[in-house]
């Protein structure tokens, strides 16, 4: 009789162990689902331009080459006035607004007003491009923090008035670039 009793108690102990295991797996599954739900839906990964040697980096780090190319692209687009600076410059500011901080937009809008009062925009055509052989290098970007950089752009700014070159400036423009978590549909760079 004791053999049957031991078999029944072993069966009950095994059932209890299985129940504890099921509860533990259920709790683990609940934690996993909660973690999955709290994880970000989209991640922006900045891939360096030269992948011949491979790349290992954390997903939140932004390579300095990406920061430089972003800063140059935005600055060049803001300063490209193909027909008339009086209408092109404010239109470019509005067009590039997803990439600009509110403080930068205010600064640029004040610059438009100042240039209009001095009549520096009417019938002006402007283009900005890199000085040859002075593009990106490791010293072009200085990291202030994980989310803030200063980009030194060595550029040529040409301005024309009625197809006559009136200004050619070879200048280093220090540009502050910050990580900007805005609308990812309008600013996929997040900078």
N, C-alpha and C. Protein backbone atom coordinates (compact mmCIF):
# COMPACT_ATOMS: atom_id res chain seq x y z
N UNK A 1 0.81 -1.19 0.00
CA UNK A 1 0.00 0.00 0.00
C UNK A 1 0.85 1.25 0.00
N UNK A 2 1.97 1.20 0.71
CA UNK A 2 2.81 2.39 0.78
C UNK A 2 3.43 2.71 -0.59
N UNK A 3 3.61 1.65 -1.39
CA UNK A 3 4.14 1.89 -2.72
C UNK A 3 3.17 2.74 -3.53
N UNK A 4 1.89 2.49 -3.40
CA UNK A 4 0.89 3.28 -4.13
C UNK A 4 0.80 4.70 -3.57
N UNK A 5 0.92 4.79 -2.22
CA UNK A 5 0.88 6.12 -1.60
C UNK A 5 2.06 6.97 -2.07
N UNK A 6 3.26 6.37 -2.13
CA UNK A 6 4.44 7.10 -2.61
C UNK A 6 4.27 7.50 -4.07
N UNK A 7 3.69 6.63 -4.85
CA UNK A 7 3.47 6.96 -6.27
C UNK A 7 2.50 8.13 -6.38
N UNK A 8 1.45 8.12 -5.56
CA UNK A 8 0.49 9.23 -5.60
C UNK A 8 1.13 10.54 -5.12
N UNK A 9 1.94 10.48 -4.07
CA UNK A 9 2.58 11.71 -3.58
C UNK A 9 3.63 12.21 -4.58
N UNK A 10 4.34 11.27 -5.23
CA UNK A 10 5.29 11.69 -6.27
C UNK A 10 4.56 12.35 -7.43
N UNK A 11 3.42 11.80 -7.82
CA UNK A 11 2.62 12.39 -8.89
C UNK A 11 2.16 13.78 -8.49
N UNK A 12 1.68 13.94 -7.25
CA UNK A 12 1.22 15.26 -6.78
C UNK A 12 2.38 16.25 -6.73
N UNK A 13 3.56 15.80 -6.28
CA UNK A 13 4.73 16.68 -6.26
C UNK A 13 5.14 17.10 -7.68
N UNK A 14 5.08 16.16 -8.61
CA UNK A 14 5.43 16.47 -9.99
C UNK A 14 4.42 17.46 -10.59
N UNK A 15 3.16 17.26 -10.30
CA UNK A 15 2.13 18.20 -10.79
C UNK A 15 2.37 19.59 -10.19
N UNK A 16 2.71 19.66 -8.92
CA UNK A 16 3.00 20.95 -8.28
C UNK A 16 4.22 21.62 -8.94
N UNK A 17 5.26 20.83 -9.21
CA UNK A 17 6.44 21.37 -9.88
C UNK A 17 6.08 21.90 -11.27
N UNK A 18 5.26 21.17 -12.00
CA UNK A 18 4.83 21.62 -13.33
C UNK A 18 4.00 22.91 -13.24
N UNK A 19 3.16 23.00 -12.23
CA UNK A 19 2.35 24.22 -12.06
C UNK A 19 3.25 25.42 -11.74
N UNK A 20 4.24 25.24 -10.86
CA UNK A 20 5.17 26.33 -10.53
C UNK A 20 5.96 26.74 -11.78
N UNK A 21 6.39 25.75 -12.57
CA UNK A 21 7.11 26.06 -13.81
C UNK A 21 6.22 26.83 -14.78
N UNK A 22 4.95 26.45 -14.90
CA UNK A 22 4.02 27.16 -15.79
C UNK A 22 3.81 28.60 -15.32
N UNK A 23 3.66 28.80 -14.02
CA UNK A 23 3.49 30.16 -13.49
C UNK A 23 4.75 30.99 -13.75
N UNK A 24 5.93 30.39 -13.52
CA UNK A 24 7.19 31.11 -13.76
C UNK A 24 7.33 31.48 -15.24
N UNK A 25 6.99 30.55 -16.14
CA UNK A 25 7.05 30.86 -17.57
C UNK A 25 6.04 31.93 -17.95
N UNK A 26 4.86 31.90 -17.34
CA UNK A 26 3.86 32.94 -17.60
C UNK A 26 4.34 34.32 -17.16
N UNK A 27 4.97 34.39 -15.98
CA UNK A 27 5.50 35.67 -15.49
C UNK A 27 6.63 36.14 -16.41
N UNK A 28 7.50 35.23 -16.83
CA UNK A 28 8.58 35.58 -17.75
C UNK A 28 8.03 36.08 -19.09
N UNK A 29 6.99 35.42 -19.59
CA UNK A 29 6.37 35.86 -20.85
C UNK A 29 5.73 37.24 -20.68
N UNK A 30 5.10 37.50 -19.54
CA UNK A 30 4.49 38.82 -19.30
C UNK A 30 5.56 39.90 -19.26
N UNK A 31 6.69 39.64 -18.59
CA UNK A 31 7.79 40.62 -18.56
C UNK A 31 8.35 40.84 -19.96
N UNK A 32 8.49 39.76 -20.73
CA UNK A 32 9.01 39.89 -22.09
C UNK A 32 8.07 40.72 -22.96
N UNK A 33 6.78 40.48 -22.85
CA UNK A 33 5.82 41.25 -23.65
C UNK A 33 5.80 42.71 -23.21
N UNK A 34 5.90 42.97 -21.93
CA UNK A 34 5.94 44.36 -21.46
C UNK A 34 7.20 45.06 -21.97
N UNK A 35 8.33 44.39 -21.93
CA UNK A 35 9.56 44.97 -22.47
C UNK A 35 9.47 45.21 -23.96
N UNK A 36 8.84 44.31 -24.66
CA UNK A 36 8.67 44.45 -26.10
C UNK A 36 7.78 45.65 -26.42
N UNK A 37 6.74 45.83 -25.63
CA UNK A 37 5.82 46.95 -25.86
C UNK A 37 6.47 48.29 -25.53
N UNK A 38 7.39 48.31 -24.57
CA UNK A 38 8.04 49.56 -24.17
C UNK A 38 9.25 49.90 -25.05
N UNK A 39 9.72 48.96 -25.85
CA UNK A 39 10.87 49.21 -26.72
C UNK A 39 10.48 50.20 -27.81
N UNK A 40 11.43 51.02 -28.28
CA UNK A 40 11.10 51.96 -29.35
C UNK A 40 10.72 51.23 -30.63
N UNK A 41 9.77 51.79 -31.32
CA UNK A 41 9.28 51.17 -32.55
C UNK A 41 10.30 51.32 -33.69
N UNK A 42 10.95 52.48 -33.77
CA UNK A 42 11.93 52.75 -34.82
C UNK A 42 13.25 53.18 -34.19
N UNK A 43 14.34 52.74 -34.75
CA UNK A 43 15.67 53.15 -34.32
C UNK A 43 16.38 53.79 -35.51
N UNK A 44 17.03 54.89 -35.27
CA UNK A 44 17.84 55.53 -36.30
C UNK A 44 19.28 55.12 -36.09
N UNK A 45 19.84 54.45 -37.07
CA UNK A 45 21.22 54.00 -36.99
C UNK A 45 22.00 54.80 -38.04
N UNK A 46 23.04 55.48 -37.60
CA UNK A 46 23.87 56.28 -38.50
C UNK A 46 25.05 55.43 -38.94
N UNK A 47 25.11 55.12 -40.23
CA UNK A 47 26.16 54.27 -40.77
C UNK A 47 27.24 55.16 -41.37
N UNK A 48 28.51 54.94 -40.99
CA UNK A 48 29.58 55.76 -41.58
C UNK A 48 29.70 55.51 -43.08
N UNK A 49 30.21 56.50 -43.83
CA UNK A 49 30.22 56.36 -45.29
C UNK A 49 31.18 55.31 -45.83
N UNK A 50 32.25 55.01 -45.12
CA UNK A 50 33.25 54.07 -45.61
C UNK A 50 33.15 52.78 -44.82
N UNK A 51 32.64 51.74 -45.44
CA UNK A 51 32.44 50.47 -44.74
C UNK A 51 33.44 49.39 -45.17
N UNK A 52 34.55 49.79 -45.80
CA UNK A 52 35.54 48.80 -46.23
C UNK A 52 36.13 48.06 -45.05
N UNK A 53 36.32 48.75 -43.93
CA UNK A 53 36.93 48.10 -42.77
C UNK A 53 35.88 47.66 -41.76
N UNK A 54 34.62 47.83 -42.07
CA UNK A 54 33.57 47.45 -41.15
C UNK A 54 33.28 48.54 -40.15
N UNK A 55 32.24 48.35 -39.39
CA UNK A 55 31.85 49.37 -38.42
C UNK A 55 31.13 48.72 -37.26
N UNK A 56 31.57 49.06 -36.05
CA UNK A 56 30.86 48.64 -34.85
C UNK A 56 30.64 49.89 -34.02
N UNK A 57 29.38 50.18 -33.75
CA UNK A 57 29.07 51.36 -32.96
C UNK A 57 27.73 51.16 -32.28
N UNK A 58 27.51 51.94 -31.26
CA UNK A 58 26.25 51.89 -30.54
C UNK A 58 25.21 52.63 -31.37
N UNK A 59 23.95 52.23 -31.28
CA UNK A 59 22.93 52.82 -32.14
C UNK A 59 22.67 54.28 -31.82
N UNK A 60 22.97 54.72 -30.60
CA UNK A 60 22.68 56.11 -30.25
C UNK A 60 23.83 57.05 -30.62
N UNK A 61 24.99 56.52 -30.99
CA UNK A 61 26.12 57.36 -31.35
C UNK A 61 25.97 57.83 -32.80
N UNK A 62 26.31 59.09 -33.02
CA UNK A 62 26.27 59.67 -34.36
C UNK A 62 27.71 59.93 -34.79
N UNK A 63 28.17 59.30 -35.88
CA UNK A 63 29.55 59.53 -36.32
C UNK A 63 29.77 60.98 -36.73
N UNK A 64 30.98 61.46 -36.55
CA UNK A 64 31.27 62.86 -36.88
C UNK A 64 31.11 63.13 -38.37
N UNK A 65 31.33 62.15 -39.22
CA UNK A 65 31.13 62.35 -40.66
C UNK A 65 29.66 62.61 -40.98
N UNK A 66 28.75 61.95 -40.26
CA UNK A 66 27.32 62.18 -40.46
C UNK A 66 26.94 63.57 -39.98
N UNK A 67 27.49 64.00 -38.85
CA UNK A 67 27.20 65.34 -38.33
C UNK A 67 27.70 66.39 -39.31
N UNK A 68 28.90 66.20 -39.86
CA UNK A 68 29.46 67.15 -40.82
C UNK A 68 28.60 67.23 -42.08
N UNK A 69 28.27 66.07 -42.65
CA UNK A 69 27.49 66.08 -43.89
C UNK A 69 26.11 66.67 -43.67
N UNK A 70 25.49 66.41 -42.51
CA UNK A 70 24.19 67.00 -42.20
C UNK A 70 24.31 68.52 -42.11
N UNK A 71 25.30 69.00 -41.35
CA UNK A 71 25.47 70.45 -41.19
C UNK A 71 25.75 71.13 -42.51
N UNK A 72 26.61 70.53 -43.34
CA UNK A 72 26.93 71.12 -44.64
C UNK A 72 25.70 71.15 -45.54
N UNK A 73 24.96 70.07 -45.57
CA UNK A 73 23.77 70.00 -46.43
C UNK A 73 22.75 71.06 -46.05
N UNK A 74 22.45 71.18 -44.76
CA UNK A 74 21.44 72.15 -44.31
C UNK A 74 21.93 73.57 -44.56
N UNK A 75 23.19 73.85 -44.25
CA UNK A 75 23.73 75.20 -44.46
C UNK A 75 23.73 75.56 -45.94
N UNK A 76 24.09 74.61 -46.77
CA UNK A 76 24.11 74.86 -48.21
C UNK A 76 22.70 75.10 -48.74
N UNK A 77 21.73 74.34 -48.27
CA UNK A 77 20.35 74.54 -48.72
C UNK A 77 19.79 75.87 -48.26
N UNK A 78 20.13 76.29 -47.05
CA UNK A 78 19.64 77.58 -46.55
C UNK A 78 20.22 78.75 -47.34
N UNK A 79 21.43 78.60 -47.83
CA UNK A 79 22.11 79.69 -48.51
C UNK A 79 22.11 79.54 -50.02
N UNK A 80 21.21 78.77 -50.57
CA UNK A 80 21.07 78.65 -52.02
C UNK A 80 19.86 79.47 -52.44
N UNK A 81 20.12 80.60 -53.07
CA UNK A 81 19.04 81.48 -53.55
C UNK A 81 19.15 81.51 -55.07
N UNK A 82 18.45 80.63 -55.77
CA UNK A 82 18.67 80.51 -57.22
C UNK A 82 18.13 81.66 -58.06
N UNK A 83 17.10 82.37 -57.59
CA UNK A 83 16.51 83.42 -58.43
C UNK A 83 16.53 84.79 -57.78
N UNK A 84 16.01 84.87 -56.56
CA UNK A 84 15.88 86.17 -55.90
C UNK A 84 15.94 85.94 -54.40
N UNK A 85 16.95 86.47 -53.75
CA UNK A 85 17.12 86.26 -52.31
C UNK A 85 15.96 86.77 -51.48
N UNK A 86 15.25 87.78 -51.99
CA UNK A 86 14.13 88.34 -51.25
C UNK A 86 13.00 87.33 -51.04
N UNK A 87 12.81 86.45 -52.00
CA UNK A 87 11.78 85.42 -51.85
C UNK A 87 12.38 84.05 -51.54
N UNK A 88 13.58 83.77 -52.06
CA UNK A 88 14.18 82.44 -51.87
C UNK A 88 14.64 82.20 -50.44
N UNK A 89 15.24 83.21 -49.81
CA UNK A 89 15.79 83.02 -48.45
C UNK A 89 14.69 82.68 -47.44
N UNK A 90 13.59 83.45 -47.35
CA UNK A 90 12.52 83.06 -46.41
C UNK A 90 11.88 81.72 -46.77
N UNK A 91 11.79 81.43 -48.08
CA UNK A 91 11.22 80.14 -48.49
C UNK A 91 12.11 78.98 -48.05
N UNK A 92 13.42 79.17 -48.14
CA UNK A 92 14.35 78.12 -47.70
C UNK A 92 14.27 77.91 -46.19
N UNK A 93 14.11 78.99 -45.45
CA UNK A 93 13.98 78.85 -43.99
C UNK A 93 12.73 78.05 -43.66
N UNK A 94 11.63 78.35 -44.35
CA UNK A 94 10.38 77.61 -44.11
C UNK A 94 10.53 76.15 -44.56
N UNK A 95 11.20 75.94 -45.67
CA UNK A 95 11.39 74.58 -46.19
C UNK A 95 12.26 73.74 -45.26
N UNK A 96 13.27 74.34 -44.67
CA UNK A 96 14.20 73.63 -43.80
C UNK A 96 13.79 73.67 -42.33
N UNK A 97 12.63 74.18 -42.02
CA UNK A 97 12.21 74.34 -40.62
C UNK A 97 12.22 73.04 -39.81
N UNK A 98 11.93 71.86 -40.38
CA UNK A 98 12.02 70.65 -39.55
C UNK A 98 13.43 70.35 -39.07
N UNK A 99 14.44 70.90 -39.73
CA UNK A 99 15.83 70.64 -39.37
C UNK A 99 16.42 71.73 -38.48
N UNK A 100 15.65 72.76 -38.17
CA UNK A 100 16.15 73.91 -37.41
C UNK A 100 15.50 73.97 -36.04
N UNK A 101 16.27 74.34 -35.04
CA UNK A 101 15.69 74.56 -33.71
C UNK A 101 14.90 75.87 -33.75
N UNK A 102 13.96 76.06 -32.83
CA UNK A 102 13.21 77.32 -32.81
C UNK A 102 14.11 78.55 -32.66
N UNK A 103 15.17 78.44 -31.87
CA UNK A 103 16.09 79.56 -31.71
C UNK A 103 16.80 79.89 -33.02
N UNK A 104 17.18 78.88 -33.76
CA UNK A 104 17.84 79.09 -35.05
C UNK A 104 16.87 79.71 -36.05
N UNK A 105 15.62 79.27 -36.05
CA UNK A 105 14.62 79.87 -36.94
C UNK A 105 14.42 81.34 -36.62
N UNK A 106 14.34 81.68 -35.34
CA UNK A 106 14.20 83.09 -34.96
C UNK A 106 15.39 83.90 -35.43
N UNK A 107 16.60 83.37 -35.25
CA UNK A 107 17.81 84.06 -35.69
C UNK A 107 17.79 84.31 -37.20
N UNK A 108 17.42 83.27 -37.96
CA UNK A 108 17.39 83.41 -39.42
C UNK A 108 16.30 84.37 -39.88
N UNK A 109 15.14 84.34 -39.22
CA UNK A 109 14.07 85.28 -39.59
C UNK A 109 14.47 86.72 -39.28
N UNK A 110 15.19 86.93 -38.19
CA UNK A 110 15.71 88.28 -37.89
C UNK A 110 16.75 88.68 -38.93
N UNK A 111 17.55 87.72 -39.38
CA UNK A 111 18.54 88.00 -40.42
C UNK A 111 17.86 88.42 -41.72
N UNK A 112 16.75 87.78 -42.05
CA UNK A 112 15.99 88.17 -43.24
C UNK A 112 15.51 89.61 -43.11
N UNK A 113 14.94 89.96 -41.96
CA UNK A 113 14.44 91.33 -41.75
C UNK A 113 15.58 92.35 -41.84
N UNK A 114 16.72 92.03 -41.22
CA UNK A 114 17.86 92.94 -41.25
C UNK A 114 18.38 93.13 -42.68
N UNK A 115 18.49 92.04 -43.42
CA UNK A 115 18.97 92.14 -44.80
C UNK A 115 17.97 92.88 -45.68
N UNK A 116 16.68 92.73 -45.40
CA UNK A 116 15.68 93.47 -46.18
C UNK A 116 15.76 94.97 -45.90
N UNK A 117 16.00 95.34 -44.65
CA UNK A 117 16.10 96.77 -44.35
C UNK A 117 17.33 97.39 -45.02
N UNK A 118 18.39 96.60 -45.20
CA UNK A 118 19.59 97.10 -45.87
C UNK A 118 19.56 96.82 -47.38
N UNK A 119 18.44 96.28 -47.87
CA UNK A 119 18.24 95.97 -49.28
C UNK A 119 19.34 95.04 -49.82
N UNK A 120 19.65 93.99 -49.05
CA UNK A 120 20.69 93.04 -49.44
C UNK A 120 20.14 91.77 -50.08
N UNK A 121 18.83 91.65 -50.22
CA UNK A 121 18.26 90.41 -50.74
C UNK A 121 17.66 90.55 -52.13
N UNK A 122 17.17 91.70 -52.47
CA UNK A 122 16.45 91.89 -53.72
C UNK A 122 17.37 91.64 -54.91
N UNK A 123 16.92 90.77 -55.80
CA UNK A 123 17.63 90.40 -57.03
C UNK A 123 19.02 89.80 -56.77
N UNK A 124 19.23 89.24 -55.59
CA UNK A 124 20.51 88.59 -55.27
C UNK A 124 20.38 87.10 -55.51
N UNK A 125 21.41 86.54 -56.08
CA UNK A 125 21.52 85.09 -56.27
C UNK A 125 22.74 84.66 -55.45
N UNK A 126 22.56 83.60 -54.67
CA UNK A 126 23.65 83.17 -53.79
C UNK A 126 23.83 81.67 -53.89
N UNK A 127 25.07 81.25 -53.84
CA UNK A 127 25.38 79.82 -53.77
C UNK A 127 26.56 79.63 -52.83
N UNK A 128 26.55 78.50 -52.16
CA UNK A 128 27.59 78.17 -51.20
C UNK A 128 28.13 76.79 -51.55
N UNK A 129 29.44 76.67 -51.54
CA UNK A 129 30.06 75.37 -51.82
C UNK A 129 31.37 75.27 -51.03
N UNK A 130 31.85 74.03 -50.90
CA UNK A 130 33.08 73.80 -50.14
C UNK A 130 34.30 74.33 -50.88
N UNK A 131 35.25 74.81 -50.12
CA UNK A 131 36.54 75.18 -50.70
C UNK A 131 37.19 73.87 -51.15
N UNK A 132 37.68 73.80 -52.39
CA UNK A 132 38.29 72.54 -52.84
C UNK A 132 39.42 72.09 -51.91
N UNK A 133 39.43 70.81 -51.64
CA UNK A 133 40.43 70.15 -50.78
C UNK A 133 40.31 70.56 -49.31
N UNK A 134 39.21 71.19 -48.92
CA UNK A 134 39.02 71.60 -47.53
C UNK A 134 37.75 70.99 -46.94
N UNK A 135 37.37 69.82 -47.39
CA UNK A 135 36.14 69.19 -46.93
C UNK A 135 36.29 68.60 -45.53
N UNK A 136 35.64 67.48 -45.32
CA UNK A 136 35.62 66.86 -44.00
C UNK A 136 36.98 66.28 -43.64
N UNK A 137 37.38 66.53 -42.41
CA UNK A 137 38.48 65.81 -41.78
C UNK A 137 38.15 65.66 -40.30
N UNK A 138 38.96 64.95 -39.57
CA UNK A 138 38.64 64.67 -38.16
C UNK A 138 38.55 65.92 -37.31
N UNK A 139 39.24 66.99 -37.70
CA UNK A 139 39.22 68.23 -36.92
C UNK A 139 38.04 69.13 -37.29
N UNK A 140 37.24 68.73 -38.26
CA UNK A 140 36.11 69.56 -38.70
C UNK A 140 34.95 69.54 -37.71
N UNK A 141 34.88 68.50 -36.88
CA UNK A 141 33.76 68.35 -35.95
C UNK A 141 34.31 68.23 -34.54
N UNK A 142 33.82 69.08 -33.65
CA UNK A 142 34.19 69.02 -32.23
C UNK A 142 32.95 68.61 -31.44
N UNK A 143 33.08 67.57 -30.65
CA UNK A 143 31.95 67.07 -29.87
C UNK A 143 31.91 67.78 -28.53
N UNK A 144 30.79 68.47 -28.26
CA UNK A 144 30.60 69.13 -26.97
C UNK A 144 30.02 68.16 -25.95
N UNK A 145 29.07 67.37 -26.37
CA UNK A 145 28.45 66.35 -25.51
C UNK A 145 27.95 65.24 -26.42
N UNK A 146 27.25 64.29 -25.85
CA UNK A 146 26.73 63.19 -26.66
C UNK A 146 25.73 63.67 -27.70
N UNK A 147 25.07 64.80 -27.42
CA UNK A 147 24.01 65.30 -28.30
C UNK A 147 24.29 66.68 -28.86
N UNK A 148 25.54 67.13 -28.85
CA UNK A 148 25.86 68.48 -29.32
C UNK A 148 27.26 68.52 -29.94
N UNK A 149 27.37 69.15 -31.10
CA UNK A 149 28.62 69.25 -31.82
C UNK A 149 28.79 70.66 -32.39
N UNK A 150 30.03 71.02 -32.68
CA UNK A 150 30.33 72.23 -33.44
C UNK A 150 31.04 71.78 -34.71
N UNK A 151 30.45 72.15 -35.86
CA UNK A 151 30.99 71.78 -37.16
C UNK A 151 31.63 73.02 -37.77
N UNK A 152 32.88 72.91 -38.18
CA UNK A 152 33.57 74.00 -38.87
C UNK A 152 33.49 73.76 -40.37
N UNK A 153 32.73 74.60 -41.05
CA UNK A 153 32.55 74.49 -42.49
C UNK A 153 33.43 75.53 -43.19
N UNK A 154 34.37 75.08 -44.00
CA UNK A 154 35.21 75.98 -44.80
C UNK A 154 34.55 76.10 -46.17
N UNK A 155 33.89 77.24 -46.40
CA UNK A 155 33.05 77.39 -47.58
C UNK A 155 33.36 78.65 -48.36
N UNK A 156 32.92 78.63 -49.61
CA UNK A 156 32.94 79.81 -50.47
C UNK A 156 31.49 80.22 -50.66
N UNK A 157 31.20 81.49 -50.39
CA UNK A 157 29.86 82.03 -50.62
C UNK A 157 29.96 83.06 -51.74
N UNK A 158 29.30 82.77 -52.85
CA UNK A 158 29.27 83.69 -53.99
C UNK A 158 27.90 84.34 -54.07
N UNK A 159 27.88 85.66 -54.23
CA UNK A 159 26.63 86.40 -54.41
C UNK A 159 26.70 87.17 -55.72
N UNK A 160 25.61 87.09 -56.45
CA UNK A 160 25.50 87.79 -57.73
C UNK A 160 24.33 88.76 -57.67
N UNK A 161 24.51 89.91 -58.30
CA UNK A 161 23.44 90.89 -58.44
C UNK A 161 23.31 91.18 -59.93
N UNK A 162 22.19 90.77 -60.51
CA UNK A 162 21.96 90.88 -61.96
C UNK A 162 23.11 90.23 -62.73
N UNK A 163 23.46 89.01 -62.37
CA UNK A 163 24.47 88.19 -63.03
C UNK A 163 25.89 88.73 -62.91
N UNK A 164 26.12 89.68 -62.01
CA UNK A 164 27.46 90.22 -61.78
C UNK A 164 27.91 89.77 -60.39
N UNK A 165 29.08 89.17 -60.31
CA UNK A 165 29.61 88.72 -59.01
C UNK A 165 29.92 89.94 -58.16
N UNK A 166 29.24 90.07 -57.03
CA UNK A 166 29.45 91.21 -56.14
C UNK A 166 30.14 90.81 -54.84
N UNK A 167 30.15 89.51 -54.56
CA UNK A 167 30.75 89.09 -53.30
C UNK A 167 31.23 87.65 -53.42
N UNK A 168 32.46 87.42 -53.02
CA UNK A 168 33.00 86.07 -52.90
C UNK A 168 33.72 86.01 -51.57
N UNK A 169 33.18 85.23 -50.66
CA UNK A 169 33.74 85.14 -49.31
C UNK A 169 34.20 83.71 -49.05
N UNK A 170 35.48 83.56 -48.73
CA UNK A 170 36.03 82.28 -48.29
C UNK A 170 36.08 82.35 -46.77
N UNK A 171 35.19 81.62 -46.13
CA UNK A 171 34.98 81.79 -44.70
C UNK A 171 34.84 80.44 -44.01
N UNK A 172 35.25 80.41 -42.75
CA UNK A 172 34.97 79.26 -41.89
C UNK A 172 33.73 79.60 -41.08
N UNK A 173 32.69 78.80 -41.28
CA UNK A 173 31.44 79.00 -40.56
C UNK A 173 31.35 77.96 -39.45
N UNK A 174 31.41 78.37 -38.18
CA UNK A 174 31.16 77.40 -37.11
C UNK A 174 29.66 77.21 -36.95
N UNK A 175 29.24 75.99 -37.03
CA UNK A 175 27.81 75.67 -37.01
C UNK A 175 27.55 74.71 -35.86
N UNK A 176 26.58 75.04 -35.03
CA UNK A 176 26.24 74.17 -33.89
C UNK A 176 25.14 73.20 -34.33
N UNK A 177 25.41 71.92 -34.16
CA UNK A 177 24.45 70.87 -34.51
C UNK A 177 24.07 70.15 -33.22
N UNK A 178 22.77 69.97 -33.00
CA UNK A 178 22.29 69.28 -31.81
C UNK A 178 21.37 68.14 -32.23
N UNK A 179 21.28 67.15 -31.37
CA UNK A 179 20.32 66.08 -31.59
C UNK A 179 18.94 66.63 -31.30
N UNK A 180 18.03 66.47 -32.22
CA UNK A 180 16.72 67.10 -32.12
C UNK A 180 15.67 66.04 -32.35
N UNK A 181 15.01 65.61 -31.31
CA UNK A 181 13.99 64.56 -31.41
C UNK A 181 12.66 65.19 -31.78
N UNK A 182 12.48 65.44 -33.04
CA UNK A 182 11.22 66.01 -33.52
C UNK A 182 10.42 64.95 -34.25
N UNK A 183 9.75 65.37 -35.29
CA UNK A 183 8.94 64.47 -36.10
C UNK A 183 9.85 63.67 -37.03
N UNK A 184 9.96 62.35 -36.85
CA UNK A 184 10.87 61.57 -37.68
C UNK A 184 10.43 61.49 -39.14
N UNK A 185 9.17 61.78 -39.42
CA UNK A 185 8.71 61.80 -40.81
C UNK A 185 9.27 63.02 -41.54
N UNK A 186 9.39 64.14 -40.84
CA UNK A 186 9.88 65.37 -41.46
C UNK A 186 11.38 65.55 -41.29
N UNK A 187 11.97 64.95 -40.25
CA UNK A 187 13.41 65.05 -40.02
C UNK A 187 13.94 63.65 -39.70
N UNK A 188 14.24 62.86 -40.72
CA UNK A 188 14.69 61.49 -40.46
C UNK A 188 16.08 61.42 -39.84
N UNK A 189 16.88 62.50 -39.94
CA UNK A 189 18.22 62.49 -39.36
C UNK A 189 18.17 62.55 -37.84
N UNK A 190 17.17 63.22 -37.28
CA UNK A 190 17.11 63.41 -35.84
C UNK A 190 18.14 64.40 -35.33
N UNK A 191 18.68 65.23 -36.23
CA UNK A 191 19.68 66.24 -35.86
C UNK A 191 19.13 67.61 -36.17
